[in-house]
Amino acid sequence: MRALANWSQARYVHSSNIENGYGLGVGGDYKVNAHTAVTADYNFDQSDGLSSGVQEAHQVTVGITLAR
């Protein structure tokens, strides 16, 4: 099991625009057997700036890890 959180702030040169953003994520691995694991992760990001407005992104990833 894993989790993440982040926060950012960007100030643009020669502009009064400030963009704030944050992100959250969770994920996990499931070991099927000695040679195979399945992974799944979900990430959410949001940013808010004067010129771009509120933007959101949702990302889901899944994978399979094979080992000898």
N, C-alpha and C. Protein backbone atom coordinates (compact mmCIF):
# COMPACT_ATOMS: atom_id res chain seq x y z
N MET A 1 0.84 -1.17 0.00
CA MET A 1 0.00 0.00 0.00
C MET A 1 0.89 1.23 0.00
N ARG A 2 0.47 2.25 -0.73
CA ARG A 2 1.23 3.49 -0.76
C ARG A 2 0.27 4.67 -0.88
N ALA A 3 0.73 5.83 -0.44
CA ALA A 3 -0.07 7.05 -0.52
C ALA A 3 0.88 8.21 -0.79
N LEU A 4 0.35 9.26 -1.41
CA LEU A 4 1.16 10.44 -1.66
C LEU A 4 0.30 11.69 -1.55
N ALA A 5 0.96 12.78 -1.24
CA ALA A 5 0.31 14.09 -1.19
C ALA A 5 1.34 15.12 -1.61
N ASN A 6 0.91 16.14 -2.35
CA ASN A 6 1.84 17.20 -2.74
C ASN A 6 1.11 18.53 -2.82
N TRP A 7 1.87 19.61 -2.75
CA TRP A 7 1.36 20.97 -2.86
C TRP A 7 2.38 21.78 -3.63
N SER A 8 1.90 22.70 -4.45
CA SER A 8 2.83 23.55 -5.21
C SER A 8 2.27 24.95 -5.33
N GLN A 9 3.18 25.90 -5.54
CA GLN A 9 2.81 27.28 -5.81
C GLN A 9 3.78 27.82 -6.85
N ALA A 10 3.23 28.42 -7.90
CA ALA A 10 4.06 28.98 -8.97
C ALA A 10 3.77 30.48 -9.10
N ARG A 11 4.83 31.27 -9.17
CA ARG A 11 4.72 32.71 -9.41
C ARG A 11 5.38 32.99 -10.75
N TYR A 12 4.66 33.62 -11.64
CA TYR A 12 5.15 33.84 -12.99
C TYR A 12 5.88 35.18 -13.09
N VAL A 13 7.01 35.18 -13.82
CA VAL A 13 7.83 36.37 -14.00
C VAL A 13 7.04 37.42 -14.77
N HIS A 14 7.14 38.67 -14.35
CA HIS A 14 6.47 39.81 -14.99
C HIS A 14 4.95 39.65 -15.01
N SER A 15 4.40 39.00 -14.00
CA SER A 15 2.96 38.80 -13.91
C SER A 15 2.57 38.72 -12.44
N SER A 16 1.34 39.11 -12.16
CA SER A 16 0.85 38.99 -10.78
C SER A 16 0.14 37.66 -10.56
N ASN A 17 0.14 36.82 -11.58
CA ASN A 17 -0.56 35.53 -11.50
C ASN A 17 0.21 34.56 -10.59
N ILE A 18 -0.51 33.99 -9.65
CA ILE A 18 0.02 32.94 -8.78
C ILE A 18 -0.85 31.71 -8.97
N GLU A 19 -0.25 30.57 -9.19
CA GLU A 19 -1.00 29.33 -9.38
C GLU A 19 -0.69 28.39 -8.22
N ASN A 20 -1.72 27.94 -7.55
CA ASN A 20 -1.60 26.97 -6.45
C ASN A 20 -2.12 25.63 -6.91
N GLY A 21 -1.52 24.57 -6.41
CA GLY A 21 -1.97 23.24 -6.78
C GLY A 21 -1.71 22.23 -5.69
N TYR A 22 -2.46 21.15 -5.74
CA TYR A 22 -2.22 20.05 -4.82
C TYR A 22 -2.58 18.74 -5.48
N GLY A 23 -2.10 17.67 -4.91
CA GLY A 23 -2.38 16.35 -5.45
C GLY A 23 -2.44 15.31 -4.35
N LEU A 24 -3.22 14.27 -4.60
CA LEU A 24 -3.37 13.15 -3.68
C LEU A 24 -3.35 11.86 -4.48
N GLY A 25 -2.85 10.80 -3.89
CA GLY A 25 -2.83 9.53 -4.60
C GLY A 25 -2.76 8.35 -3.66
N VAL A 26 -3.27 7.22 -4.14
CA VAL A 26 -3.20 5.96 -3.40
C VAL A 26 -2.90 4.85 -4.39
N GLY A 27 -2.32 3.78 -3.89
CA GLY A 27 -2.03 2.64 -4.76
C GLY A 27 -1.67 1.42 -3.95
N GLY A 28 -1.64 0.31 -4.63
CA GLY A 28 -1.28 -0.92 -3.96
C GLY A 28 -0.85 -1.99 -4.93
N ASP A 29 -0.23 -3.02 -4.38
CA ASP A 29 0.23 -4.17 -5.14
C ASP A 29 -0.43 -5.42 -4.56
N TYR A 30 -0.76 -6.35 -5.43
CA TYR A 30 -1.31 -7.64 -5.01
C TYR A 30 -0.44 -8.73 -5.61
N LYS A 31 0.18 -9.51 -4.77
CA LYS A 31 1.06 -10.58 -5.24
C LYS A 31 0.20 -11.81 -5.55
N VAL A 32 0.12 -12.16 -6.84
CA VAL A 32 -0.68 -13.29 -7.29
C VAL A 32 0.01 -14.60 -6.95
N ASN A 33 1.31 -14.67 -7.25
CA ASN A 33 2.13 -15.82 -6.90
C ASN A 33 3.59 -15.36 -6.82
N ALA A 34 4.52 -16.28 -6.75
CA ALA A 34 5.93 -15.92 -6.59
C ALA A 34 6.49 -15.14 -7.77
N HIS A 35 5.82 -15.21 -8.93
CA HIS A 35 6.36 -14.59 -10.14
C HIS A 35 5.50 -13.45 -10.70
N THR A 36 4.33 -13.22 -10.14
CA THR A 36 3.39 -12.26 -10.73
C THR A 36 2.78 -11.36 -9.66
N ALA A 37 2.75 -10.06 -9.95
CA ALA A 37 2.09 -9.09 -9.08
C ALA A 37 1.25 -8.15 -9.94
N VAL A 38 0.12 -7.73 -9.40
CA VAL A 38 -0.77 -6.77 -10.07
C VAL A 38 -0.71 -5.47 -9.28
N THR A 39 -0.58 -4.33 -9.98
CA THR A 39 -0.52 -3.04 -9.32
C THR A 39 -1.68 -2.16 -9.79
N ALA A 40 -2.12 -1.26 -8.92
CA ALA A 40 -3.16 -0.29 -9.27
C ALA A 40 -2.89 0.99 -8.50
N ASP A 41 -3.06 2.13 -9.18
CA ASP A 41 -2.84 3.44 -8.57
C ASP A 41 -3.90 4.42 -9.05
N TYR A 42 -4.25 5.37 -8.16
CA TYR A 42 -5.16 6.46 -8.51
C TYR A 42 -4.51 7.76 -8.04
N ASN A 43 -4.46 8.77 -8.92
CA ASN A 43 -3.91 10.08 -8.58
C ASN A 43 -4.90 11.17 -8.97
N PHE A 44 -5.01 12.18 -8.11
CA PHE A 44 -5.86 13.34 -8.36
C PHE A 44 -5.00 14.58 -8.20
N ASP A 45 -5.07 15.49 -9.17
CA ASP A 45 -4.35 16.76 -9.11
C ASP A 45 -5.31 17.90 -9.41
N GLN A 46 -5.15 19.01 -8.68
CA GLN A 46 -5.96 20.21 -8.94
C GLN A 46 -5.05 21.42 -8.88
N SER A 47 -5.22 22.34 -9.83
CA SER A 47 -4.49 23.60 -9.82
C SER A 47 -5.47 24.73 -10.06
N ASP A 48 -5.14 25.91 -9.52
CA ASP A 48 -6.02 27.06 -9.63
C ASP A 48 -5.15 28.30 -9.86
N GLY A 49 -5.36 28.96 -10.99
CA GLY A 49 -4.62 30.17 -11.31
C GLY A 49 -5.54 31.20 -11.93
N LEU A 50 -5.16 32.47 -11.88
CA LEU A 50 -5.99 33.54 -12.42
C LEU A 50 -6.24 33.37 -13.91
N SER A 51 -5.21 33.01 -14.66
CA SER A 51 -5.35 32.92 -16.11
C SER A 51 -5.93 31.58 -16.57
N SER A 52 -5.67 30.51 -15.82
CA SER A 52 -6.12 29.19 -16.27
C SER A 52 -7.38 28.70 -15.57
N GLY A 53 -7.76 29.31 -14.47
CA GLY A 53 -8.91 28.83 -13.70
C GLY A 53 -8.58 27.53 -12.99
N VAL A 54 -9.63 26.86 -12.55
CA VAL A 54 -9.44 25.59 -11.84
C VAL A 54 -9.32 24.46 -12.86
N GLN A 55 -8.29 23.65 -12.71
CA GLN A 55 -8.08 22.49 -13.57
C GLN A 55 -7.90 21.26 -12.69
N GLU A 56 -8.56 20.18 -13.06
CA GLU A 56 -8.45 18.93 -12.32
C GLU A 56 -8.00 17.81 -13.25
N ALA A 57 -7.26 16.86 -12.69
CA ALA A 57 -6.83 15.69 -13.46
C ALA A 57 -6.99 14.46 -12.58
N HIS A 58 -7.58 13.43 -13.16
CA HIS A 58 -7.73 12.13 -12.50
C HIS A 58 -6.96 11.11 -13.34
N GLN A 59 -6.15 10.29 -12.69
CA GLN A 59 -5.35 9.30 -13.42
C GLN A 59 -5.44 7.95 -12.70
N VAL A 60 -5.80 6.93 -13.46
CA VAL A 60 -5.83 5.56 -12.95
C VAL A 60 -4.85 4.74 -13.76
N THR A 61 -3.96 4.03 -13.09
CA THR A 61 -3.02 3.16 -13.79
C THR A 61 -3.10 1.75 -13.18
N VAL A 62 -2.96 0.76 -14.03
CA VAL A 62 -2.90 -0.63 -13.59
C VAL A 62 -1.72 -1.29 -14.31
N GLY A 63 -1.14 -2.28 -13.68
CA GLY A 63 -0.01 -2.95 -14.29
C GLY A 63 0.17 -4.36 -13.79
N ILE A 64 1.00 -5.09 -14.49
CA ILE A 64 1.37 -6.45 -14.11
C ILE A 64 2.88 -6.52 -14.09
N THR A 65 3.45 -7.05 -13.02
CA THR A 65 4.88 -7.23 -12.89
C THR A 65 5.17 -8.72 -12.94
N LEU A 66 6.05 -9.11 -13.85
CA LEU A 66 6.45 -10.50 -13.99
C LEU A 66 7.92 -10.63 -13.63
N ALA A 67 8.27 -11.64 -12.87
CA ALA A 67 9.65 -11.87 -12.48
C ALA A 67 10.02 -13.35 -12.66
N ARG A 68 11.29 -13.61 -12.86
CA ARG A 68 11.74 -15.00 -13.00
C ARG A 68 12.00 -15.60 -11.66
